[in-house]
Amino acid sequence: MEIILLIIGIIVFPGGVALNMSINRRRFYRRGPGGLQHFESYGKAVDISYLLYILYFNS
């Protein structure tokens, strides 16, 4: 029984991550020119935000 739940979790988890990324990407590109942070692309925004998060909690 536990194996079946593990397999279902492994299958569903990437779908949830992909859905979250697509929603956040659409929100990112919907942001107007008056937004606080401006990045060239959604990928760079995620990378820089994640790097700052890591640096903040390591200090």
N, C-alpha and C. Protein backbone atom coordinates (compact mmCIF):
# COMPACT_ATOMS: atom_id res chain seq x y z
N MET A 1 0.82 -1.20 0.00
CA MET A 1 0.00 0.00 0.00
C MET A 1 0.86 1.26 0.00
N GLU A 2 1.93 1.25 0.84
CA GLU A 2 2.79 2.43 0.90
C GLU A 2 3.50 2.67 -0.42
N ILE A 3 3.85 1.58 -1.10
CA ILE A 3 4.55 1.70 -2.38
C ILE A 3 3.64 2.37 -3.41
N ILE A 4 2.37 2.02 -3.40
CA ILE A 4 1.42 2.61 -4.36
C ILE A 4 1.30 4.12 -4.10
N LEU A 5 1.20 4.51 -2.83
CA LEU A 5 1.11 5.93 -2.51
C LEU A 5 2.39 6.67 -2.89
N LEU A 6 3.54 6.04 -2.70
CA LEU A 6 4.81 6.63 -3.10
C LEU A 6 4.87 6.84 -4.60
N ILE A 7 4.45 5.86 -5.36
CA ILE A 7 4.45 5.96 -6.82
C ILE A 7 3.50 7.06 -7.28
N ILE A 8 2.31 7.12 -6.68
CA ILE A 8 1.36 8.18 -7.03
C ILE A 8 1.95 9.55 -6.69
N GLY A 9 2.60 9.67 -5.55
CA GLY A 9 3.23 10.94 -5.17
C GLY A 9 4.33 11.34 -6.13
N ILE A 10 5.13 10.38 -6.56
CA ILE A 10 6.20 10.67 -7.51
C ILE A 10 5.63 11.11 -8.85
N ILE A 11 4.49 10.57 -9.23
CA ILE A 11 3.86 10.95 -10.50
C ILE A 11 3.19 12.32 -10.40
N VAL A 12 2.53 12.61 -9.28
CA VAL A 12 1.75 13.84 -9.13
C VAL A 12 2.64 15.05 -8.82
N PHE A 13 3.73 14.87 -8.09
CA PHE A 13 4.58 15.98 -7.66
C PHE A 13 5.10 16.83 -8.82
N PRO A 14 5.68 16.25 -9.89
CA PRO A 14 6.14 17.10 -11.00
C PRO A 14 5.01 17.86 -11.68
N GLY A 15 3.82 17.28 -11.71
CA GLY A 15 2.69 18.00 -12.28
C GLY A 15 2.32 19.22 -11.46
N GLY A 16 2.38 19.10 -10.16
CA GLY A 16 2.11 20.24 -9.28
C GLY A 16 3.16 21.32 -9.41
N VAL A 17 4.42 20.92 -9.51
CA VAL A 17 5.49 21.90 -9.70
C VAL A 17 5.34 22.61 -11.04
N ALA A 18 5.02 21.87 -12.09
CA ALA A 18 4.83 22.47 -13.41
C ALA A 18 3.65 23.43 -13.41
N LEU A 19 2.57 23.07 -12.76
CA LEU A 19 1.40 23.95 -12.68
C LEU A 19 1.73 25.22 -11.93
N ASN A 20 2.44 25.10 -10.82
CA ASN A 20 2.84 26.26 -10.04
C ASN A 20 3.75 27.18 -10.86
N MET A 21 4.71 26.60 -11.57
CA MET A 21 5.62 27.40 -12.39
C MET A 21 4.88 28.12 -13.51
N SER A 22 3.92 27.45 -14.14
CA SER A 22 3.20 28.08 -15.25
C SER A 22 2.32 29.22 -14.73
N ILE A 23 1.68 29.05 -13.58
CA ILE A 23 0.86 30.12 -13.02
C ILE A 23 1.73 31.31 -12.64
N ASN A 24 2.85 31.05 -11.97
CA ASN A 24 3.74 32.15 -11.58
C ASN A 24 4.35 32.84 -12.79
N ARG A 25 4.63 32.09 -13.84
CA ARG A 25 5.18 32.68 -15.06
C ARG A 25 4.17 33.63 -15.70
N ARG A 26 2.91 33.22 -15.73
CA ARG A 26 1.88 34.09 -16.29
C ARG A 26 1.71 35.34 -15.45
N ARG A 27 1.77 35.21 -14.12
CA ARG A 27 1.69 36.38 -13.24
C ARG A 27 2.87 37.31 -13.46
N PHE A 28 4.05 36.73 -13.69
CA PHE A 28 5.26 37.53 -13.91
C PHE A 28 5.11 38.39 -15.17
N TYR A 29 4.66 37.79 -16.26
CA TYR A 29 4.54 38.53 -17.51
C TYR A 29 3.34 39.47 -17.54
N ARG A 30 2.41 39.33 -16.60
CA ARG A 30 1.26 40.22 -16.52
C ARG A 30 1.61 41.50 -15.76
N ARG A 31 2.74 41.49 -15.05
CA ARG A 31 3.16 42.65 -14.25
C ARG A 31 3.42 43.84 -15.17
N GLY A 32 2.93 45.00 -14.80
CA GLY A 32 3.06 46.20 -15.63
C GLY A 32 4.40 46.87 -15.49
N PRO A 33 4.60 47.95 -16.24
CA PRO A 33 5.87 48.68 -16.21
C PRO A 33 6.11 49.38 -14.88
N GLY A 34 5.11 49.52 -14.04
CA GLY A 34 5.29 50.18 -12.75
C GLY A 34 5.65 49.21 -11.64
N GLY A 35 5.94 47.94 -11.96
CA GLY A 35 6.30 46.94 -10.95
C GLY A 35 7.63 47.26 -10.30
N LEU A 36 7.86 46.68 -9.14
CA LEU A 36 9.06 46.99 -8.38
C LEU A 36 10.31 46.31 -8.95
N GLN A 37 10.20 45.07 -9.35
CA GLN A 37 11.36 44.35 -9.87
C GLN A 37 11.16 44.07 -11.35
N HIS A 38 12.19 44.33 -12.12
CA HIS A 38 12.12 44.08 -13.55
C HIS A 38 13.28 43.18 -13.95
N PHE A 39 12.97 42.07 -14.56
CA PHE A 39 13.95 41.12 -15.04
C PHE A 39 13.69 40.87 -16.51
N GLU A 40 14.70 40.38 -17.22
CA GLU A 40 14.54 40.09 -18.64
C GLU A 40 13.58 38.93 -18.88
N SER A 41 13.65 37.93 -18.02
CA SER A 41 12.82 36.76 -18.22
C SER A 41 12.42 36.18 -16.88
N TYR A 42 11.44 35.31 -16.92
CA TYR A 42 10.96 34.66 -15.69
C TYR A 42 12.05 33.78 -15.09
N GLY A 43 12.81 33.10 -15.94
CA GLY A 43 13.88 32.24 -15.45
C GLY A 43 14.93 33.01 -14.67
N LYS A 44 15.33 34.17 -15.17
CA LYS A 44 16.31 34.98 -14.45
C LYS A 44 15.74 35.50 -13.13
N ALA A 45 14.47 35.84 -13.13
CA ALA A 45 13.84 36.31 -11.90
C ALA A 45 13.83 35.21 -10.84
N VAL A 46 13.52 34.00 -11.25
CA VAL A 46 13.50 32.87 -10.31
C VAL A 46 14.91 32.58 -9.82
N ASP A 47 15.89 32.56 -10.72
CA ASP A 47 17.27 32.27 -10.33
C ASP A 47 17.81 33.31 -9.35
N ILE A 48 17.61 34.58 -9.64
CA ILE A 48 18.13 35.64 -8.78
C ILE A 48 17.41 35.64 -7.44
N SER A 49 16.10 35.47 -7.45
CA SER A 49 15.35 35.43 -6.20
C SER A 49 15.78 34.25 -5.33
N TYR A 50 16.01 33.10 -5.95
CA TYR A 50 16.45 31.92 -5.21
C TYR A 50 17.85 32.13 -4.64
N LEU A 51 18.75 32.71 -5.44
CA LEU A 51 20.10 32.99 -4.97
C LEU A 51 20.09 33.95 -3.78
N LEU A 52 19.28 35.00 -3.87
CA LEU A 52 19.19 35.95 -2.76
C LEU A 52 18.60 35.28 -1.52
N TYR A 53 17.64 34.40 -1.71
CA TYR A 53 17.06 33.66 -0.59
C TYR A 53 18.12 32.82 0.11
N ILE A 54 18.95 32.11 -0.68
CA ILE A 54 20.02 31.27 -0.13
C ILE A 54 21.04 32.14 0.61
N LEU A 55 21.46 33.23 -0.02
CA LEU A 55 22.45 34.11 0.61
C LEU A 55 21.92 34.74 1.89
N TYR A 56 20.66 35.10 1.91
CA TYR A 56 20.06 35.73 3.07
C TYR A 56 20.05 34.77 4.26
N PHE A 57 19.69 33.52 4.04
CA PHE A 57 19.59 32.58 5.14
C PHE A 57 20.93 31.96 5.52
N ASN A 58 21.95 32.12 4.68
CA ASN A 58 23.29 31.64 5.04
C ASN A 58 24.07 32.67 5.84
N SER A 59 23.61 33.89 5.83
CA SER A 59 24.34 34.93 6.57
C SER A 59 23.87 35.07 7.99
